[in-house]
Structure formats: structure tokens, C-alpha cells
Amino acid sequence: MVKKMSAECKGVSLIITMSDKLHLGCGKNILPDWINVDCIDSPGVDLVFDLDQCNINPFPLADNSIQVIWASHLLEHIANPLPMMQELYRIAQPDAKATFHLPYGSSDDAFEDPTHVRPYFLNSFSYFSQPYYWRADYGYRGDWKTETIVLSIPAAKHSGRLAEDIMDDIMSLRNIVVEMSVELIAVKPARKPLRELQEFPTILYNFI
């Protein structure tokens, strides 16, 4: 549990905390010295907030106040990810790191849970950056650079195989990836929406 106090800015109540680490969708997994956020009020939750309502309610933290964001199996439950990622960008410090763990889009795990509303693939996170909006402006103003994507896959089936052969299977077959972990970096000031500014992440395999 972090120490916190309230303030107000531009008519929005803010929470001023002693931590710059944000744990989203914490559930019962409470992390000491982090700001633990969940939509359900339960023991250890520091901030009760519905991340799917960021298009209506601003996240109650100050601009440039967060250095680390961590979320495990949250993003696939969010119906409106762009407003959430824009708000996270607003409260993120320059070069802040956001890490998301989630099912890979072509796995049964991405679909069989009825509370999962959106699958994610290797290029999905690029749309949380500005350079990918070179063709159209959808009003999104966040700019997260996808730094690294780690794909966890069964070692018994894939250890020792060529990386390109594994990727061919990932792109054409189901249930190859057990979990996807993505590391994003907040780019401030935001880049222009230009195609030539697009960057591609490092993709790694984690054999489990």
C-alpha cells in the first residue's frame, strides 16, 4: 500500500502518491511500493478505476508522474485500448517503460475466456505509436515505441529449431505461443505521424 493524498487540477481530482510505479489490473496480486489499480475495490487496492472508461474519465494521476507500468493479462479485457494508452502516455514520464503480458492472438487462450474482448498480434502494439497513423487521424495522441516482444513457446516442441521456421509456424498455425510479453517506451515529445518514422521491435523467444 502506497502513501497517497488528493489534489485537484483542471477540475479533476488527482491522487499524489509516493510511488512512480503503476500496477494495472492488480486483482489480488498486490505489489508492495506500487500503485495497485483495479476496477474492483478489494484489500490492498490503492486506486479503484475502470480503465475502459478513460475516454470519459481521466486517469487520476498527474502528468509525467509514472516511470514504470506493469500489467499481466489485462489488455485483452479492455474494449477501448486507445483512450487508455493515451491516458497512460499522459501520466508517463519521458522514456517510461510499460510492460504487458497477454495471450497471443492465435491461441485458444485469447478467445475461450468470454471476458477477452480483443486479440493482439505482433504488429498490434505499433498502433499505440504515432508513426502508424500516417494514413488517417483517429484522434489518438499517445506515442509508445514497441521496444521488445517476447514470445513464450514450449521448449519440448521448438527448442533447437531455426528462428525463421518457428516464426513461420507462429504466423500460420494456432496455439504455438503460450504467452506474449511486450515492452513499450513512452516517446516524449511525441513523434510526427510519418511512415518513415516507424520502427520495428526486437522479437525474442522464451522457451518454457
N, C-alpha and C. Protein backbone atom coordinates (compact mmCIF):
# COMPACT_ATOMS: atom_id res chain seq x y z
N MET A 1 0.84 -1.19 0.00
CA MET A 1 0.00 0.00 0.00
C MET A 1 0.88 1.24 0.00
N VAL A 2 0.66 2.15 -0.93
CA VAL A 2 1.46 3.36 -1.02
C VAL A 2 0.77 4.50 -0.29
N LYS A 3 1.56 5.42 0.22
CA LYS A 3 1.01 6.61 0.83
C LYS A 3 0.46 7.51 -0.26
N LYS A 4 -0.70 8.12 -0.03
CA LYS A 4 -1.30 8.94 -1.06
C LYS A 4 -2.10 10.07 -0.44
N MET A 5 -2.29 11.15 -1.22
CA MET A 5 -3.14 12.25 -0.81
C MET A 5 -3.80 12.80 -2.06
N SER A 6 -4.87 13.53 -1.87
CA SER A 6 -5.66 14.01 -3.00
C SER A 6 -5.31 15.45 -3.34
N ALA A 7 -5.49 15.80 -4.61
CA ALA A 7 -5.33 17.16 -5.09
C ALA A 7 -6.30 17.34 -6.24
N GLU A 8 -6.37 18.55 -6.78
CA GLU A 8 -7.27 18.79 -7.89
C GLU A 8 -6.58 19.66 -8.92
N CYS A 9 -6.73 19.31 -10.19
CA CYS A 9 -6.14 20.07 -11.28
C CYS A 9 -7.11 20.08 -12.45
N LYS A 10 -7.46 21.27 -12.91
CA LYS A 10 -8.39 21.44 -14.04
C LYS A 10 -9.70 20.70 -13.77
N GLY A 11 -10.15 20.74 -12.52
CA GLY A 11 -11.42 20.14 -12.17
C GLY A 11 -11.38 18.64 -11.98
N VAL A 12 -10.20 18.03 -12.12
CA VAL A 12 -10.06 16.58 -11.97
C VAL A 12 -9.35 16.29 -10.67
N SER A 13 -9.92 15.43 -9.84
CA SER A 13 -9.28 15.04 -8.59
C SER A 13 -8.08 14.15 -8.90
N LEU A 14 -6.93 14.52 -8.38
CA LEU A 14 -5.71 13.76 -8.61
C LEU A 14 -5.29 13.06 -7.34
N ILE A 15 -4.61 11.94 -7.50
CA ILE A 15 -4.02 11.23 -6.38
C ILE A 15 -2.51 11.42 -6.47
N ILE A 16 -1.93 12.02 -5.44
CA ILE A 16 -0.49 12.21 -5.39
C ILE A 16 0.08 11.11 -4.50
N THR A 17 0.98 10.32 -5.05
CA THR A 17 1.49 9.16 -4.34
C THR A 17 3.00 9.28 -4.14
N MET A 18 3.53 8.40 -3.31
CA MET A 18 4.97 8.34 -3.07
C MET A 18 5.65 7.32 -3.99
N SER A 19 4.92 6.81 -4.98
CA SER A 19 5.46 5.81 -5.88
C SER A 19 5.31 6.27 -7.32
N ASP A 20 6.27 5.89 -8.17
CA ASP A 20 6.16 6.17 -9.60
C ASP A 20 6.00 4.88 -10.39
N LYS A 21 5.51 3.82 -9.71
CA LYS A 21 5.31 2.52 -10.34
C LYS A 21 3.82 2.16 -10.29
N LEU A 22 3.26 1.82 -11.45
CA LEU A 22 1.83 1.60 -11.59
C LEU A 22 1.55 0.16 -11.98
N HIS A 23 0.76 -0.52 -11.18
CA HIS A 23 0.38 -1.92 -11.42
C HIS A 23 -1.09 -1.94 -11.82
N LEU A 24 -1.37 -2.21 -13.09
CA LEU A 24 -2.72 -2.14 -13.63
C LEU A 24 -3.41 -3.50 -13.56
N GLY A 25 -4.70 -3.48 -13.21
CA GLY A 25 -5.46 -4.72 -13.13
C GLY A 25 -4.87 -5.68 -12.13
N CYS A 26 -4.58 -5.17 -10.94
CA CYS A 26 -3.81 -5.94 -9.96
C CYS A 26 -4.58 -7.15 -9.42
N GLY A 27 -5.92 -7.05 -9.34
CA GLY A 27 -6.68 -8.15 -8.73
C GLY A 27 -6.22 -8.39 -7.31
N LYS A 28 -5.91 -9.64 -6.99
CA LYS A 28 -5.43 -9.99 -5.65
C LYS A 28 -3.90 -10.01 -5.56
N ASN A 29 -3.24 -9.73 -6.67
CA ASN A 29 -1.77 -9.74 -6.69
C ASN A 29 -1.26 -8.34 -6.35
N ILE A 30 -1.21 -8.03 -5.08
CA ILE A 30 -0.82 -6.70 -4.61
C ILE A 30 0.70 -6.60 -4.52
N LEU A 31 1.27 -5.60 -5.19
CA LEU A 31 2.72 -5.41 -5.19
C LEU A 31 3.09 -4.30 -4.21
N PRO A 32 3.96 -4.57 -3.25
CA PRO A 32 4.40 -3.54 -2.31
C PRO A 32 5.12 -2.40 -3.04
N ASP A 33 4.87 -1.18 -2.59
CA ASP A 33 5.52 0.02 -3.11
C ASP A 33 5.12 0.34 -4.55
N TRP A 34 4.06 -0.28 -5.03
CA TRP A 34 3.47 0.07 -6.32
C TRP A 34 2.10 0.70 -6.08
N ILE A 35 1.61 1.45 -7.06
CA ILE A 35 0.22 1.91 -7.05
C ILE A 35 -0.60 0.80 -7.68
N ASN A 36 -1.33 0.06 -6.88
CA ASN A 36 -2.11 -1.08 -7.35
C ASN A 36 -3.50 -0.62 -7.77
N VAL A 37 -3.83 -0.84 -9.05
CA VAL A 37 -5.07 -0.33 -9.64
C VAL A 37 -5.95 -1.49 -10.07
N ASP A 38 -7.23 -1.39 -9.73
CA ASP A 38 -8.19 -2.39 -10.19
C ASP A 38 -9.57 -1.75 -10.25
N CYS A 39 -10.47 -2.36 -11.02
CA CYS A 39 -11.84 -1.82 -11.12
C CYS A 39 -12.71 -2.29 -9.96
N ILE A 40 -12.20 -3.22 -9.15
CA ILE A 40 -12.94 -3.74 -8.01
C ILE A 40 -12.19 -3.38 -6.73
N ASP A 41 -12.90 -2.82 -5.78
CA ASP A 41 -12.30 -2.43 -4.50
C ASP A 41 -12.11 -3.67 -3.64
N SER A 42 -10.88 -3.99 -3.36
CA SER A 42 -10.56 -5.14 -2.53
C SER A 42 -9.32 -4.83 -1.72
N PRO A 43 -8.99 -5.64 -0.70
CA PRO A 43 -7.83 -5.34 0.16
C PRO A 43 -6.55 -5.14 -0.64
N GLY A 44 -5.84 -4.06 -0.35
CA GLY A 44 -4.57 -3.78 -1.00
C GLY A 44 -4.65 -2.93 -2.24
N VAL A 45 -5.85 -2.75 -2.79
CA VAL A 45 -6.02 -1.91 -3.99
C VAL A 45 -5.89 -0.44 -3.58
N ASP A 46 -4.97 0.27 -4.20
CA ASP A 46 -4.75 1.68 -3.88
C ASP A 46 -5.68 2.60 -4.63
N LEU A 47 -6.05 2.21 -5.85
CA LEU A 47 -6.87 3.08 -6.69
C LEU A 47 -7.90 2.23 -7.42
N VAL A 48 -9.17 2.52 -7.19
CA VAL A 48 -10.26 1.85 -7.89
C VAL A 48 -10.60 2.69 -9.12
N PHE A 49 -10.39 2.11 -10.29
CA PHE A 49 -10.58 2.88 -11.53
C PHE A 49 -10.87 1.93 -12.67
N ASP A 50 -11.86 2.29 -13.51
CA ASP A 50 -12.23 1.49 -14.66
C ASP A 50 -11.42 1.96 -15.86
N LEU A 51 -10.42 1.18 -16.26
CA LEU A 51 -9.53 1.55 -17.36
C LEU A 51 -10.24 1.58 -18.71
N ASP A 52 -11.42 0.99 -18.78
CA ASP A 52 -12.18 1.00 -20.03
C ASP A 52 -13.00 2.28 -20.19
N GLN A 53 -12.91 3.18 -19.21
CA GLN A 53 -13.65 4.44 -19.26
C GLN A 53 -12.73 5.65 -19.40
N CYS A 54 -11.51 5.43 -19.88
CA CYS A 54 -10.56 6.54 -20.00
C CYS A 54 -10.99 7.58 -21.02
N ASN A 55 -11.89 7.20 -21.92
CA ASN A 55 -12.42 8.19 -22.87
C ASN A 55 -13.40 9.13 -22.21
N ILE A 56 -13.86 8.79 -21.00
CA ILE A 56 -14.81 9.62 -20.26
C ILE A 56 -14.16 10.21 -19.02
N ASN A 57 -13.42 9.39 -18.28
CA ASN A 57 -12.81 9.80 -17.02
C ASN A 57 -11.29 9.78 -17.14
N PRO A 58 -10.63 10.93 -16.96
CA PRO A 58 -9.16 10.94 -16.98
C PRO A 58 -8.60 10.11 -15.84
N PHE A 59 -7.47 9.49 -16.08
CA PHE A 59 -6.79 8.73 -15.03
C PHE A 59 -6.36 9.72 -13.93
N PRO A 60 -6.70 9.45 -12.67
CA PRO A 60 -6.49 10.46 -11.62
C PRO A 60 -5.06 10.53 -11.09
N LEU A 61 -4.10 10.62 -12.01
CA LEU A 61 -2.70 10.83 -11.65
C LEU A 61 -2.17 11.98 -12.49
N ALA A 62 -1.16 12.67 -11.98
CA ALA A 62 -0.64 13.87 -12.63
C ALA A 62 0.16 13.52 -13.88
N ASP A 63 0.27 14.48 -14.78
CA ASP A 63 1.11 14.34 -15.97
C ASP A 63 2.54 14.00 -15.56
N ASN A 64 3.18 13.13 -16.34
CA ASN A 64 4.62 12.83 -16.19
C ASN A 64 4.98 12.38 -14.76
N SER A 65 4.12 11.58 -14.17
CA SER A 65 4.35 11.16 -12.78
C SER A 65 4.74 9.70 -12.62
N ILE A 66 4.66 8.90 -13.69
CA ILE A 66 4.88 7.46 -13.60
C ILE A 66 6.07 7.05 -14.46
N GLN A 67 6.94 6.22 -13.88
CA GLN A 67 8.13 5.75 -14.59
C GLN A 67 8.00 4.30 -15.06
N VAL A 68 7.23 3.48 -14.35
CA VAL A 68 7.10 2.06 -14.69
C VAL A 68 5.63 1.67 -14.63
N ILE A 69 5.17 0.98 -15.67
CA ILE A 69 3.80 0.46 -15.74
C ILE A 69 3.88 -1.04 -16.00
N TRP A 70 3.09 -1.80 -15.26
CA TRP A 70 3.12 -3.26 -15.42
C TRP A 70 1.69 -3.78 -15.39
N ALA A 71 1.37 -4.67 -16.32
CA ALA A 71 0.03 -5.25 -16.38
C ALA A 71 0.12 -6.68 -16.88
N SER A 72 -0.50 -7.60 -16.17
CA SER A 72 -0.50 -9.01 -16.56
C SER A 72 -1.92 -9.45 -16.88
N HIS A 73 -2.13 -9.83 -18.13
CA HIS A 73 -3.42 -10.34 -18.61
C HIS A 73 -4.55 -9.37 -18.28
N LEU A 74 -4.30 -8.13 -18.66
CA LEU A 74 -5.28 -7.06 -18.55
C LEU A 74 -5.75 -6.58 -19.92
N LEU A 75 -4.80 -6.36 -20.83
CA LEU A 75 -5.10 -5.64 -22.06
C LEU A 75 -6.17 -6.31 -22.90
N GLU A 76 -6.20 -7.64 -22.90
CA GLU A 76 -7.19 -8.36 -23.70
C GLU A 76 -8.62 -8.18 -23.18
N HIS A 77 -8.75 -7.61 -21.96
CA HIS A 77 -10.07 -7.34 -21.38
C HIS A 77 -10.56 -5.92 -21.67
N ILE A 78 -9.73 -5.09 -22.28
CA ILE A 78 -10.06 -3.68 -22.49
C ILE A 78 -10.69 -3.48 -23.86
N ALA A 79 -11.93 -2.99 -23.88
CA ALA A 79 -12.63 -2.78 -25.15
C ALA A 79 -12.17 -1.51 -25.85
N ASN A 80 -11.70 -0.52 -25.08
CA ASN A 80 -11.28 0.77 -25.64
C ASN A 80 -9.81 1.03 -25.31
N PRO A 81 -8.89 0.34 -25.99
CA PRO A 81 -7.47 0.46 -25.60
C PRO A 81 -6.83 1.80 -25.94
N LEU A 82 -7.25 2.46 -27.01
CA LEU A 82 -6.58 3.71 -27.38
C LEU A 82 -6.76 4.81 -26.34
N PRO A 83 -7.96 5.07 -25.82
CA PRO A 83 -8.07 6.07 -24.75
C PRO A 83 -7.24 5.70 -23.52
N MET A 84 -7.18 4.42 -23.17
CA MET A 84 -6.37 4.00 -22.04
C MET A 84 -4.89 4.26 -22.29
N MET A 85 -4.41 3.88 -23.48
CA MET A 85 -2.99 4.07 -23.77
C MET A 85 -2.63 5.54 -23.88
N GLN A 86 -3.58 6.36 -24.31
CA GLN A 86 -3.33 7.80 -24.36
C GLN A 86 -3.23 8.39 -22.95
N GLU A 87 -4.08 7.93 -22.05
CA GLU A 87 -4.00 8.40 -20.66
C GLU A 87 -2.73 7.91 -19.98
N LEU A 88 -2.36 6.67 -20.24
CA LEU A 88 -1.11 6.16 -19.67
C LEU A 88 0.08 6.96 -20.21
N TYR A 89 0.00 7.34 -21.46
CA TYR A 89 1.06 8.17 -22.04
C TYR A 89 1.12 9.53 -21.35
N ARG A 90 -0.02 10.10 -21.07
CA ARG A 90 -0.06 11.41 -20.41
C ARG A 90 0.63 11.37 -19.05
N ILE A 91 0.37 10.34 -18.27
CA ILE A 91 0.92 10.28 -16.92
C ILE A 91 2.34 9.71 -16.90
N ALA A 92 2.79 9.16 -18.03
CA ALA A 92 4.13 8.56 -18.09
C ALA A 92 5.20 9.64 -18.20
N GLN A 93 6.31 9.42 -17.52
CA GLN A 93 7.48 10.26 -17.69
C GLN A 93 8.13 9.95 -19.04
N PRO A 94 8.93 10.87 -19.60
CA PRO A 94 9.66 10.54 -20.82
C PRO A 94 10.51 9.28 -20.62
N ASP A 95 10.46 8.38 -21.58
CA ASP A 95 11.18 7.10 -21.55
C ASP A 95 10.65 6.13 -20.49
N ALA A 96 9.46 6.40 -19.95
CA ALA A 96 8.84 5.44 -19.03
C ALA A 96 8.63 4.11 -19.74
N LYS A 97 8.69 3.03 -18.98
CA LYS A 97 8.53 1.69 -19.54
C LYS A 97 7.19 1.09 -19.13
N ALA A 98 6.48 0.55 -20.10
CA ALA A 98 5.23 -0.17 -19.84
C ALA A 98 5.38 -1.60 -20.33
N THR A 99 5.08 -2.56 -19.46
CA THR A 99 5.20 -3.97 -19.80
C THR A 99 3.83 -4.63 -19.70
N PHE A 100 3.45 -5.33 -20.76
CA PHE A 100 2.17 -6.03 -20.80
C PHE A 100 2.41 -7.51 -21.08
N HIS A 101 1.76 -8.36 -20.29
CA HIS A 101 1.75 -9.80 -20.53
C HIS A 101 0.33 -10.18 -20.94
N LEU A 102 0.19 -10.97 -22.00
CA LEU A 102 -1.15 -11.28 -22.52
C LEU A 102 -1.09 -12.48 -23.45
N PRO A 103 -2.26 -13.05 -23.77
CA PRO A 103 -2.26 -14.18 -24.71
C PRO A 103 -1.92 -13.69 -26.12
N TYR A 104 -1.30 -14.56 -26.90
CA TYR A 104 -1.08 -14.24 -28.31
C TYR A 104 -2.38 -14.48 -29.08
N GLY A 105 -2.62 -13.65 -30.09
CA GLY A 105 -3.92 -13.64 -30.76
C GLY A 105 -4.35 -14.94 -31.39
N SER A 106 -3.42 -15.79 -31.82
CA SER A 106 -3.80 -17.04 -32.48
C SER A 106 -3.81 -18.23 -31.53
N SER A 107 -3.93 -17.95 -30.24
CA SER A 107 -4.04 -19.03 -29.25
C SER A 107 -5.47 -19.17 -28.77
N ASP A 108 -5.83 -20.37 -28.35
CA ASP A 108 -7.17 -20.57 -27.80
C ASP A 108 -7.40 -19.68 -26.58
N ASP A 109 -6.34 -19.44 -25.81
CA ASP A 109 -6.45 -18.63 -24.60
C ASP A 109 -6.93 -17.22 -24.92
N ALA A 110 -6.65 -16.72 -26.11
CA ALA A 110 -7.08 -15.38 -26.47
C ALA A 110 -8.58 -15.28 -26.68
N PHE A 111 -9.23 -16.42 -26.95
CA PHE A 111 -10.64 -16.39 -27.32
C PHE A 111 -11.57 -17.13 -26.37
N GLU A 112 -11.08 -18.18 -25.70
CA GLU A 112 -12.01 -19.03 -24.96
C GLU A 112 -12.57 -18.37 -23.71
N ASP A 113 -11.86 -17.39 -23.14
CA ASP A 113 -12.37 -16.64 -22.00
C ASP A 113 -13.36 -15.59 -22.51
N PRO A 114 -14.65 -15.67 -22.11
CA PRO A 114 -15.64 -14.73 -22.64
C PRO A 114 -15.42 -13.28 -22.22
N THR A 115 -14.54 -13.04 -21.25
CA THR A 115 -14.24 -11.66 -20.86
C THR A 115 -13.11 -11.07 -21.70
N HIS A 116 -12.50 -11.88 -22.58
CA HIS A 116 -11.49 -11.35 -23.50
C HIS A 116 -12.22 -10.71 -24.69
N VAL A 117 -11.92 -9.46 -24.97
CA VAL A 117 -12.67 -8.73 -26.00
C VAL A 117 -11.84 -8.38 -27.23
N ARG A 118 -10.51 -8.61 -27.17
CA ARG A 118 -9.68 -8.19 -28.30
C ARG A 118 -8.40 -9.04 -28.36
N PRO A 119 -8.11 -9.64 -29.52
CA PRO A 119 -6.84 -10.37 -29.66
C PRO A 119 -5.72 -9.42 -30.07
N TYR A 120 -4.48 -9.77 -29.72
CA TYR A 120 -3.31 -8.97 -30.07
C TYR A 120 -2.28 -9.84 -30.77
N PHE A 121 -1.62 -9.23 -31.76
CA PHE A 121 -0.61 -9.91 -32.56
C PHE A 121 0.68 -9.10 -32.54
N LEU A 122 1.67 -9.52 -33.31
CA LEU A 122 2.99 -8.89 -33.27
C LEU A 122 2.93 -7.41 -33.61
N ASN A 123 2.12 -7.02 -34.57
CA ASN A 123 2.08 -5.62 -35.00
C ASN A 123 1.03 -4.78 -34.29
N SER A 124 0.24 -5.38 -33.42
CA SER A 124 -0.85 -4.64 -32.78
C SER A 124 -0.35 -3.45 -31.98
N PHE A 125 0.78 -3.61 -31.29
CA PHE A 125 1.24 -2.57 -30.39
C PHE A 125 1.82 -1.37 -31.13
N SER A 126 2.14 -1.54 -32.40
CA SER A 126 2.63 -0.41 -33.19
C SER A 126 1.57 0.69 -33.30
N TYR A 127 0.30 0.31 -33.16
CA TYR A 127 -0.77 1.29 -33.27
C TYR A 127 -0.98 2.09 -31.99
N PHE A 128 -0.12 1.86 -31.01
CA PHE A 128 -0.07 2.73 -29.84
C PHE A 128 0.98 3.82 -30.03
N SER A 129 1.59 3.87 -31.21
CA SER A 129 2.58 4.90 -31.54
C SER A 129 1.96 5.88 -32.52
N GLN A 130 2.62 7.01 -32.74
CA GLN A 130 2.14 7.99 -33.71
C GLN A 130 2.50 7.66 -35.16
N PRO A 131 3.70 7.13 -35.47
CA PRO A 131 4.05 6.92 -36.88
C PRO A 131 3.11 5.99 -37.64
N TYR A 132 2.33 5.18 -36.94
CA TYR A 132 1.42 4.27 -37.63
C TYR A 132 0.11 4.93 -38.04
N TYR A 133 -0.05 6.21 -37.74
CA TYR A 133 -1.26 6.94 -38.14
C TYR A 133 -0.95 7.91 -39.27
N TRP A 134 -0.05 7.52 -40.15
CA TRP A 134 0.33 8.37 -41.28
C TRP A 134 -0.78 8.45 -42.33
N ARG A 135 -1.69 7.47 -42.33
CA ARG A 135 -2.76 7.46 -43.35
C ARG A 135 -4.02 8.16 -42.90
N ALA A 136 -4.28 8.17 -41.58
CA ALA A 136 -5.54 8.75 -41.08
C ALA A 136 -5.35 9.18 -39.63
N ASP A 137 -6.09 10.18 -39.23
CA ASP A 137 -6.04 10.70 -37.85
C ASP A 137 -7.31 10.25 -37.13
N TYR A 138 -7.13 9.37 -36.12
CA TYR A 138 -8.26 8.89 -35.35
C TYR A 138 -8.36 9.59 -33.99
N GLY A 139 -7.59 10.65 -33.81
CA GLY A 139 -7.66 11.43 -32.58
C GLY A 139 -6.79 10.91 -31.46
N TYR A 140 -6.04 9.84 -31.71
CA TYR A 140 -5.17 9.28 -30.69
C TYR A 140 -3.88 10.08 -30.63
N ARG A 141 -3.43 10.44 -29.41
CA ARG A 141 -2.26 11.31 -29.27
C ARG A 141 -1.13 10.69 -28.44
N GLY A 142 -1.23 9.44 -28.07
CA GLY A 142 -0.13 8.78 -27.37
C GLY A 142 0.97 8.37 -28.33
N ASP A 143 2.15 8.13 -27.81
CA ASP A 143 3.24 7.65 -28.65
C ASP A 143 4.12 6.69 -27.85
N TRP A 144 3.81 5.41 -27.96
CA TRP A 144 4.57 4.35 -27.31
C TRP A 144 5.37 3.58 -28.35
N LYS A 145 6.67 3.52 -28.16
CA LYS A 145 7.53 2.73 -29.04
C LYS A 145 7.59 1.30 -28.54
N THR A 146 7.29 0.34 -29.41
CA THR A 146 7.41 -1.07 -29.04
C THR A 146 8.88 -1.46 -29.08
N GLU A 147 9.45 -1.70 -27.91
CA GLU A 147 10.87 -1.97 -27.79
C GLU A 147 11.18 -3.45 -28.01
N THR A 148 10.49 -4.32 -27.27
CA THR A 148 10.77 -5.76 -27.30
C THR A 148 9.48 -6.55 -27.19
N ILE A 149 9.38 -7.63 -27.94
CA ILE A 149 8.28 -8.60 -27.80
C ILE A 149 8.90 -9.96 -27.52
N VAL A 150 8.50 -10.56 -26.41
CA VAL A 150 8.99 -11.89 -26.05
C VAL A 150 7.85 -12.88 -26.21
N LEU A 151 8.07 -13.90 -27.02
CA LEU A 151 7.07 -14.94 -27.24
C LEU A 151 7.50 -16.20 -26.49
N SER A 152 6.68 -16.60 -25.53
CA SER A 152 6.97 -17.83 -24.77
C SER A 152 6.37 -19.02 -25.51
N ILE A 153 7.22 -20.00 -25.80
CA ILE A 153 6.78 -21.17 -26.56
C ILE A 153 7.33 -22.43 -25.90
N PRO A 154 6.66 -23.58 -26.11
CA PRO A 154 7.11 -24.82 -25.46
C PRO A 154 8.48 -25.28 -25.96
N ALA A 155 9.40 -25.46 -25.03
CA ALA A 155 10.75 -25.90 -25.40
C ALA A 155 10.75 -27.30 -25.98
N ALA A 156 9.88 -28.17 -25.47
CA ALA A 156 9.87 -29.56 -25.92
C ALA A 156 9.59 -29.68 -27.41
N LYS A 157 8.82 -28.74 -27.95
CA LYS A 157 8.45 -28.80 -29.37
C LYS A 157 9.35 -27.96 -30.27
N HIS A 158 9.93 -26.89 -29.71
CA HIS A 158 10.56 -25.91 -30.59
C HIS A 158 12.02 -25.59 -30.30
N SER A 159 12.57 -26.05 -29.18
CA SER A 159 13.97 -25.77 -28.87
C SER A 159 14.88 -26.41 -29.93
N GLY A 160 15.84 -25.65 -30.43
CA GLY A 160 16.77 -26.16 -31.43
C GLY A 160 16.35 -25.89 -32.85
N ARG A 161 15.13 -25.43 -33.07
CA ARG A 161 14.67 -25.13 -34.42
C ARG A 161 15.18 -23.76 -34.85
N LEU A 162 15.24 -23.52 -36.16
CA LEU A 162 15.62 -22.22 -36.68
C LEU A 162 14.56 -21.19 -36.33
N ALA A 163 15.00 -19.97 -35.99
CA ALA A 163 14.08 -18.91 -35.58
C ALA A 163 13.05 -18.61 -36.66
N GLU A 164 13.49 -18.61 -37.94
CA GLU A 164 12.54 -18.30 -39.02
C GLU A 164 11.50 -19.41 -39.21
N ASP A 165 11.87 -20.66 -38.92
CA ASP A 165 10.90 -21.75 -39.02
C ASP A 165 9.85 -21.64 -37.91
N ILE A 166 10.30 -21.25 -36.71
CA ILE A 166 9.35 -21.03 -35.61
C ILE A 166 8.39 -19.91 -35.96
N MET A 167 8.94 -18.81 -36.53
CA MET A 167 8.08 -17.69 -36.88
C MET A 167 7.08 -18.07 -37.97
N ASP A 168 7.49 -18.90 -38.91
CA ASP A 168 6.55 -19.36 -39.94
C ASP A 168 5.37 -20.09 -39.29
N ASP A 169 5.65 -20.91 -38.29
CA ASP A 169 4.58 -21.62 -37.59
C ASP A 169 3.69 -20.64 -36.83
N ILE A 170 4.30 -19.66 -36.16
CA ILE A 170 3.53 -18.68 -35.40
C ILE A 170 2.57 -17.92 -36.31
N MET A 171 3.03 -17.60 -37.51
CA MET A 171 2.22 -16.80 -38.42
C MET A 171 1.16 -17.62 -39.16
N SER A 172 1.27 -18.94 -39.13
CA SER A 172 0.34 -19.75 -39.92
C SER A 172 -0.46 -20.77 -39.12
N LEU A 173 -0.04 -21.09 -37.89
CA LEU A 173 -0.70 -22.11 -37.10
C LEU A 173 -1.24 -21.52 -35.79
N ARG A 174 -2.09 -22.28 -35.14
CA ARG A 174 -2.64 -21.85 -33.86
C ARG A 174 -1.89 -22.49 -32.70
N ASN A 175 -1.98 -21.84 -31.54
CA ASN A 175 -1.50 -22.39 -30.26
C ASN A 175 0.00 -22.71 -30.25
N ILE A 176 0.78 -21.89 -30.94
CA ILE A 176 2.24 -22.02 -30.87
C ILE A 176 2.78 -21.23 -29.67
N VAL A 177 2.24 -20.02 -29.49
CA VAL A 177 2.72 -19.12 -28.43
C VAL A 177 1.86 -19.30 -27.18
N VAL A 178 2.52 -19.55 -26.05
CA VAL A 178 1.83 -19.69 -24.77
C VAL A 178 1.48 -18.33 -24.19
N GLU A 179 2.40 -17.38 -24.29
CA GLU A 179 2.17 -16.04 -23.76
C GLU A 179 3.05 -15.05 -24.51
N MET A 180 2.55 -13.81 -24.64
CA MET A 180 3.31 -12.73 -25.26
C MET A 180 3.59 -11.66 -24.21
N SER A 181 4.83 -11.20 -24.13
CA SER A 181 5.22 -10.12 -23.23
C SER A 181 5.79 -8.99 -24.06
N VAL A 182 5.29 -7.78 -23.84
CA VAL A 182 5.64 -6.64 -24.68
C VAL A 182 6.15 -5.50 -23.81
N GLU A 183 7.26 -4.92 -24.21
CA GLU A 183 7.82 -3.77 -23.50
C GLU A 183 7.72 -2.53 -24.39
N LEU A 184 7.06 -1.50 -23.87
CA LEU A 184 6.87 -0.25 -24.59
C LEU A 184 7.62 0.87 -23.88
N ILE A 185 8.05 1.86 -24.65
CA ILE A 185 8.74 3.03 -24.11
C ILE A 185 7.95 4.27 -24.52
N ALA A 186 7.71 5.18 -23.56
CA ALA A 186 6.99 6.42 -23.85
C ALA A 186 7.93 7.40 -24.55
N VAL A 187 7.57 7.80 -25.75
CA VAL A 187 8.37 8.74 -26.53
C VAL A 187 7.79 10.14 -26.32
N LYS A 188 8.55 11.00 -25.66
CA LYS A 188 8.12 12.37 -25.41
C LYS A 188 9.24 13.33 -25.74
N PRO A 189 8.95 14.37 -26.53
CA PRO A 189 7.67 14.66 -27.17
C PRO A 189 7.31 13.61 -28.22
N ALA A 190 6.02 13.54 -28.53
CA ALA A 190 5.54 12.54 -29.48
C ALA A 190 6.10 12.79 -30.87
N ARG A 191 6.35 11.70 -31.59
CA ARG A 191 6.81 11.80 -32.97
C ARG A 191 5.67 12.22 -33.88
N LYS A 192 6.01 12.66 -35.06
CA LYS A 192 5.01 13.02 -36.05
C LYS A 192 4.45 11.74 -36.69
N PRO A 193 3.20 11.79 -37.18
CA PRO A 193 2.62 10.61 -37.82
C PRO A 193 3.16 10.43 -39.24
N LEU A 194 4.40 10.02 -39.33
CA LEU A 194 5.07 9.83 -40.61
C LEU A 194 5.50 8.38 -40.75
N ARG A 195 5.23 7.81 -41.90
CA ARG A 195 5.53 6.40 -42.12
C ARG A 195 7.01 6.10 -41.97
N GLU A 196 7.86 7.05 -42.40
CA GLU A 196 9.31 6.81 -42.35
C GLU A 196 9.86 6.78 -40.93
N LEU A 197 9.04 7.17 -39.95
CA LEU A 197 9.48 7.13 -38.55
C LEU A 197 9.12 5.82 -37.86
N GLN A 198 8.45 4.92 -38.57
CA GLN A 198 8.08 3.65 -37.98
C GLN A 198 9.33 2.84 -37.62
N GLU A 199 9.29 2.22 -36.46
CA GLU A 199 10.37 1.34 -36.00
C GLU A 199 9.80 -0.01 -35.65
N PHE A 200 10.65 -1.04 -35.76
CA PHE A 200 10.19 -2.39 -35.53
C PHE A 200 10.87 -2.97 -34.30
N PRO A 201 10.13 -3.70 -33.48
CA PRO A 201 10.69 -4.19 -32.21
C PRO A 201 11.61 -5.38 -32.39
N THR A 202 12.39 -5.61 -31.37
CA THR A 202 13.17 -6.85 -31.27
C THR A 202 12.22 -7.97 -30.82
N ILE A 203 12.23 -9.08 -31.52
CA ILE A 203 11.37 -10.22 -31.16
C ILE A 203 12.25 -11.34 -30.64
N LEU A 204 11.94 -11.81 -29.44
CA LEU A 204 12.72 -12.85 -28.79
C LEU A 204 11.83 -14.04 -28.48
N TYR A 205 12.45 -15.22 -28.38
CA TYR A 205 11.73 -16.43 -27.97
C TYR A 205 12.15 -16.81 -26.56
N ASN A 206 11.16 -17.15 -25.76
CA ASN A 206 11.41 -17.67 -24.42
C ASN A 206 10.92 -19.12 -24.38
N PHE A 207 11.85 -20.06 -24.32
CA PHE A 207 11.48 -21.48 -24.34
C PHE A 207 11.14 -21.93 -22.93
N ILE A 208 9.93 -22.43 -22.75
CA ILE A 208 9.46 -22.81 -21.41
C ILE A 208 9.11 -24.30 -21.36
